[in-house]
Amino acid sequence: MSEAEVFSNGRGKPATTIYVNTREFEWSEKQISYEQVYALAFPNEPLNDGDVVRIEYARGHNGGGAGSLQPGEEVNVKKDMVFDVYVTVRS
C-alpha cells in the first residue's frame, strides 16, 4: 500500500478499510453519512422519484455494531465495517 493510500486525507490520519456492497474502500474521515455510503455504492447514479434506499451496517462500534442509516444520519467508522445498500422502487 502506498503512502498516498494510507494517508489519503492529506492530514496524516491513516485511512480505514470499509466495505460497501462487498467492495473495499479506504475511508479517512471519523464518520460516514448515509449520502456518502450511497455515493460509494452507486457512484454517478442519482436517485429517481420512487426509489427507496435502505442502508444497513455491521461490525461497527457499540457491541454488535449493527444498525441502519437514514437520510441525513452519520455513523462512526470502524476498521472492516460493512455496509449493505439496497435500492428498491416503490410500486
N, C-alpha and C. Protein backbone atom coordinates (compact mmCIF):
# COMPACT_ATOMS: atom_id res chain seq x y z
N MET A 1 0.84 -1.17 0.00
CA MET A 1 0.00 0.00 0.00
C MET A 1 0.89 1.24 0.00
N SER A 2 0.61 2.19 -0.87
CA SER A 2 1.44 3.38 -0.97
C SER A 2 1.11 4.36 0.15
N GLU A 3 2.03 5.31 0.36
CA GLU A 3 1.80 6.32 1.38
C GLU A 3 0.56 7.15 1.05
N ALA A 4 0.31 7.40 -0.22
CA ALA A 4 -0.87 8.17 -0.62
C ALA A 4 -2.15 7.45 -0.23
N GLU A 5 -2.16 6.11 -0.33
CA GLU A 5 -3.34 5.35 0.05
C GLU A 5 -3.53 5.35 1.56
N VAL A 6 -2.44 5.21 2.30
CA VAL A 6 -2.53 5.14 3.75
C VAL A 6 -2.90 6.50 4.34
N PHE A 7 -2.34 7.57 3.82
CA PHE A 7 -2.61 8.91 4.33
C PHE A 7 -3.42 9.70 3.32
N SER A 8 -4.58 9.19 2.96
CA SER A 8 -5.36 9.74 1.86
C SER A 8 -6.06 11.05 2.17
N ASN A 9 -6.17 11.45 3.43
CA ASN A 9 -6.87 12.69 3.70
C ASN A 9 -5.96 13.91 3.73
N GLY A 10 -4.65 13.71 3.52
CA GLY A 10 -3.73 14.82 3.46
C GLY A 10 -3.37 15.41 4.80
N ARG A 11 -3.93 14.88 5.90
CA ARG A 11 -3.64 15.40 7.23
C ARG A 11 -2.86 14.39 8.06
N GLY A 12 -2.42 13.30 7.46
CA GLY A 12 -1.62 12.32 8.17
C GLY A 12 -2.42 11.26 8.90
N LYS A 13 -3.75 11.32 8.86
CA LYS A 13 -4.57 10.30 9.51
C LYS A 13 -4.67 9.08 8.60
N PRO A 14 -4.32 7.91 9.10
CA PRO A 14 -4.41 6.72 8.25
C PRO A 14 -5.85 6.43 7.83
N ALA A 15 -6.02 5.98 6.61
CA ALA A 15 -7.34 5.60 6.13
C ALA A 15 -7.76 4.28 6.76
N THR A 16 -9.06 4.09 6.88
CA THR A 16 -9.65 2.87 7.45
C THR A 16 -10.32 2.10 6.32
N THR A 17 -10.16 0.80 6.31
CA THR A 17 -10.80 -0.04 5.30
C THR A 17 -12.25 -0.29 5.71
N ILE A 18 -13.17 0.01 4.79
CA ILE A 18 -14.59 -0.32 4.97
C ILE A 18 -15.05 -1.06 3.72
N TYR A 19 -16.19 -1.72 3.83
CA TYR A 19 -16.74 -2.48 2.71
C TYR A 19 -18.16 -2.00 2.44
N VAL A 20 -18.43 -1.66 1.18
CA VAL A 20 -19.75 -1.21 0.76
C VAL A 20 -20.19 -2.12 -0.38
N ASN A 21 -21.26 -2.87 -0.14
CA ASN A 21 -21.75 -3.86 -1.11
C ASN A 21 -20.61 -4.76 -1.58
N THR A 22 -19.84 -5.26 -0.65
CA THR A 22 -18.72 -6.20 -0.81
C THR A 22 -17.47 -5.59 -1.45
N ARG A 23 -17.52 -4.30 -1.83
CA ARG A 23 -16.33 -3.66 -2.40
C ARG A 23 -15.56 -2.94 -1.31
N GLU A 24 -14.24 -3.03 -1.38
CA GLU A 24 -13.36 -2.43 -0.38
C GLU A 24 -13.09 -0.96 -0.72
N PHE A 25 -13.15 -0.11 0.31
CA PHE A 25 -12.84 1.30 0.16
C PHE A 25 -11.96 1.73 1.32
N GLU A 26 -11.12 2.74 1.08
CA GLU A 26 -10.34 3.36 2.14
C GLU A 26 -11.06 4.65 2.52
N TRP A 27 -11.37 4.81 3.81
CA TRP A 27 -12.11 5.98 4.29
C TRP A 27 -11.27 6.69 5.33
N SER A 28 -11.05 7.99 5.17
CA SER A 28 -10.14 8.71 6.05
C SER A 28 -10.84 9.61 7.06
N GLU A 29 -12.14 9.68 7.05
CA GLU A 29 -12.87 10.50 8.00
C GLU A 29 -13.34 9.66 9.18
N LYS A 30 -13.63 10.34 10.30
CA LYS A 30 -14.09 9.65 11.51
C LYS A 30 -15.49 9.09 11.33
N GLN A 31 -16.33 9.79 10.57
CA GLN A 31 -17.72 9.38 10.35
C GLN A 31 -18.00 9.28 8.86
N ILE A 32 -19.10 8.57 8.56
CA ILE A 32 -19.57 8.50 7.19
C ILE A 32 -21.09 8.68 7.22
N SER A 33 -21.60 9.41 6.24
CA SER A 33 -23.04 9.71 6.20
C SER A 33 -23.77 8.75 5.28
N TYR A 34 -25.07 8.74 5.45
CA TYR A 34 -25.98 7.98 4.57
C TYR A 34 -25.68 8.32 3.11
N GLU A 35 -25.58 9.61 2.82
CA GLU A 35 -25.36 10.07 1.46
C GLU A 35 -24.00 9.63 0.92
N GLN A 36 -22.98 9.64 1.76
CA GLN A 36 -21.65 9.21 1.33
C GLN A 36 -21.60 7.71 1.06
N VAL A 37 -22.27 6.93 1.90
CA VAL A 37 -22.32 5.48 1.67
C VAL A 37 -23.03 5.19 0.35
N TYR A 38 -24.15 5.87 0.11
CA TYR A 38 -24.87 5.67 -1.16
C TYR A 38 -23.97 6.01 -2.35
N ALA A 39 -23.24 7.12 -2.26
CA ALA A 39 -22.36 7.54 -3.35
C ALA A 39 -21.25 6.52 -3.61
N LEU A 40 -20.75 5.86 -2.58
CA LEU A 40 -19.75 4.80 -2.78
C LEU A 40 -20.38 3.57 -3.43
N ALA A 41 -21.60 3.25 -3.02
CA ALA A 41 -22.28 2.06 -3.55
C ALA A 41 -22.69 2.24 -5.01
N PHE A 42 -23.18 3.43 -5.33
CA PHE A 42 -23.70 3.70 -6.68
C PHE A 42 -23.17 5.04 -7.19
N PRO A 43 -21.88 5.09 -7.54
CA PRO A 43 -21.30 6.36 -8.00
C PRO A 43 -21.97 6.84 -9.29
N ASN A 44 -22.22 8.12 -9.35
CA ASN A 44 -22.81 8.75 -10.54
C ASN A 44 -24.19 8.22 -10.89
N GLU A 45 -24.92 7.69 -9.90
CA GLU A 45 -26.29 7.21 -10.13
C GLU A 45 -27.23 7.95 -9.20
N PRO A 46 -27.82 9.05 -9.67
CA PRO A 46 -28.76 9.78 -8.81
C PRO A 46 -30.02 8.96 -8.56
N LEU A 47 -30.66 9.24 -7.45
CA LEU A 47 -31.91 8.55 -7.15
C LEU A 47 -33.03 9.10 -8.02
N ASN A 48 -33.91 8.23 -8.43
CA ASN A 48 -35.08 8.62 -9.20
C ASN A 48 -36.28 8.73 -8.27
N ASP A 49 -37.31 9.45 -8.72
CA ASP A 49 -38.54 9.50 -7.94
C ASP A 49 -39.05 8.08 -7.77
N GLY A 50 -39.44 7.75 -6.58
CA GLY A 50 -39.96 6.41 -6.32
C GLY A 50 -38.90 5.43 -5.83
N ASP A 51 -37.61 5.79 -5.91
CA ASP A 51 -36.56 4.91 -5.39
C ASP A 51 -36.52 5.00 -3.87
N VAL A 52 -36.34 3.86 -3.24
CA VAL A 52 -36.20 3.80 -1.79
C VAL A 52 -34.86 3.13 -1.50
N VAL A 53 -34.05 3.77 -0.67
CA VAL A 53 -32.73 3.25 -0.35
C VAL A 53 -32.70 2.84 1.12
N ARG A 54 -32.23 1.62 1.37
CA ARG A 54 -32.04 1.13 2.73
C ARG A 54 -30.56 0.85 2.91
N ILE A 55 -29.95 1.41 3.95
CA ILE A 55 -28.54 1.19 4.23
C ILE A 55 -28.42 0.54 5.60
N GLU A 56 -27.83 -0.64 5.63
CA GLU A 56 -27.59 -1.36 6.87
C GLU A 56 -26.10 -1.52 7.06
N TYR A 57 -25.66 -1.57 8.31
CA TYR A 57 -24.22 -1.75 8.57
C TYR A 57 -24.01 -2.78 9.67
N ALA A 58 -22.82 -3.35 9.66
CA ALA A 58 -22.41 -4.33 10.66
C ALA A 58 -20.94 -4.11 10.97
N ARG A 59 -20.48 -4.71 12.06
CA ARG A 59 -19.09 -4.61 12.52
C ARG A 59 -18.71 -3.19 12.91
N GLY A 60 -19.68 -2.44 13.39
CA GLY A 60 -19.42 -1.07 13.83
C GLY A 60 -19.11 -1.02 15.31
N HIS A 61 -19.24 0.15 15.89
CA HIS A 61 -18.98 0.36 17.31
C HIS A 61 -20.19 -0.10 18.13
N ASN A 62 -20.07 0.00 19.42
CA ASN A 62 -21.16 -0.28 20.36
C ASN A 62 -21.62 -1.74 20.34
N GLY A 63 -20.83 -2.60 20.88
CA GLY A 63 -21.21 -4.00 20.99
C GLY A 63 -21.24 -4.69 19.64
N GLY A 64 -22.39 -5.18 19.23
CA GLY A 64 -22.53 -5.87 17.94
C GLY A 64 -22.29 -4.94 16.77
N GLY A 65 -22.53 -3.65 16.98
CA GLY A 65 -22.23 -2.67 15.96
C GLY A 65 -23.07 -2.74 14.71
N ALA A 66 -24.29 -3.26 14.83
CA ALA A 66 -25.17 -3.35 13.66
C ALA A 66 -26.26 -2.29 13.77
N GLY A 67 -26.71 -1.84 12.62
CA GLY A 67 -27.78 -0.85 12.61
C GLY A 67 -28.11 -0.44 11.19
N SER A 68 -28.85 0.65 11.09
CA SER A 68 -29.19 1.17 9.77
C SER A 68 -29.01 2.68 9.79
N LEU A 69 -28.83 3.23 8.60
CA LEU A 69 -28.69 4.68 8.42
C LEU A 69 -29.91 5.21 7.70
N GLN A 70 -30.35 6.38 8.13
CA GLN A 70 -31.45 7.08 7.49
C GLN A 70 -30.89 8.34 6.84
N PRO A 71 -31.60 8.92 5.87
CA PRO A 71 -31.11 10.15 5.23
C PRO A 71 -30.74 11.20 6.28
N GLY A 72 -29.56 11.82 6.08
CA GLY A 72 -29.08 12.85 6.98
C GLY A 72 -28.31 12.33 8.19
N GLU A 73 -28.29 11.04 8.42
CA GLU A 73 -27.59 10.47 9.57
C GLU A 73 -26.15 10.12 9.23
N GLU A 74 -25.32 10.03 10.28
CA GLU A 74 -23.92 9.61 10.16
C GLU A 74 -23.66 8.52 11.19
N VAL A 75 -22.60 7.76 10.96
CA VAL A 75 -22.17 6.74 11.91
C VAL A 75 -20.65 6.80 12.01
N ASN A 76 -20.11 6.51 13.20
CA ASN A 76 -18.66 6.44 13.36
C ASN A 76 -18.13 5.24 12.60
N VAL A 77 -17.00 5.44 11.93
CA VAL A 77 -16.40 4.40 11.10
C VAL A 77 -15.43 3.57 11.94
N LYS A 78 -15.44 2.28 11.71
CA LYS A 78 -14.54 1.36 12.39
C LYS A 78 -13.90 0.47 11.32
N LYS A 79 -12.66 0.05 11.55
CA LYS A 79 -11.95 -0.81 10.60
C LYS A 79 -12.77 -2.04 10.27
N ASP A 80 -12.84 -2.36 8.98
CA ASP A 80 -13.56 -3.52 8.45
C ASP A 80 -15.07 -3.46 8.63
N MET A 81 -15.61 -2.27 8.80
CA MET A 81 -17.05 -2.09 8.89
C MET A 81 -17.68 -2.44 7.55
N VAL A 82 -18.88 -3.02 7.59
CA VAL A 82 -19.56 -3.50 6.38
C VAL A 82 -20.87 -2.73 6.21
N PHE A 83 -21.09 -2.22 5.00
CA PHE A 83 -22.33 -1.53 4.66
C PHE A 83 -23.01 -2.25 3.50
N ASP A 84 -24.30 -2.49 3.63
CA ASP A 84 -25.10 -3.07 2.55
C ASP A 84 -26.12 -2.03 2.14
N VAL A 85 -26.14 -1.70 0.84
CA VAL A 85 -27.03 -0.67 0.32
C VAL A 85 -28.00 -1.34 -0.66
N TYR A 86 -29.30 -1.17 -0.37
CA TYR A 86 -30.35 -1.76 -1.19
C TYR A 86 -31.21 -0.66 -1.78
N VAL A 87 -31.44 -0.72 -3.08
CA VAL A 87 -32.33 0.24 -3.74
C VAL A 87 -33.53 -0.53 -4.28
N THR A 88 -34.72 -0.07 -3.92
CA THR A 88 -35.95 -0.67 -4.43
C THR A 88 -36.82 0.45 -4.99
N VAL A 89 -37.78 0.08 -5.80
CA VAL A 89 -38.70 1.05 -6.41
C VAL A 89 -40.08 0.87 -5.78
N ARG A 90 -40.62 1.98 -5.29
CA ARG A 90 -41.97 1.93 -4.73
C ARG A 90 -42.97 1.61 -5.83
N SER A 91 -43.94 0.78 -5.51
CA SER A 91 -44.94 0.45 -6.52
C SER A 91 -46.20 1.26 -6.34
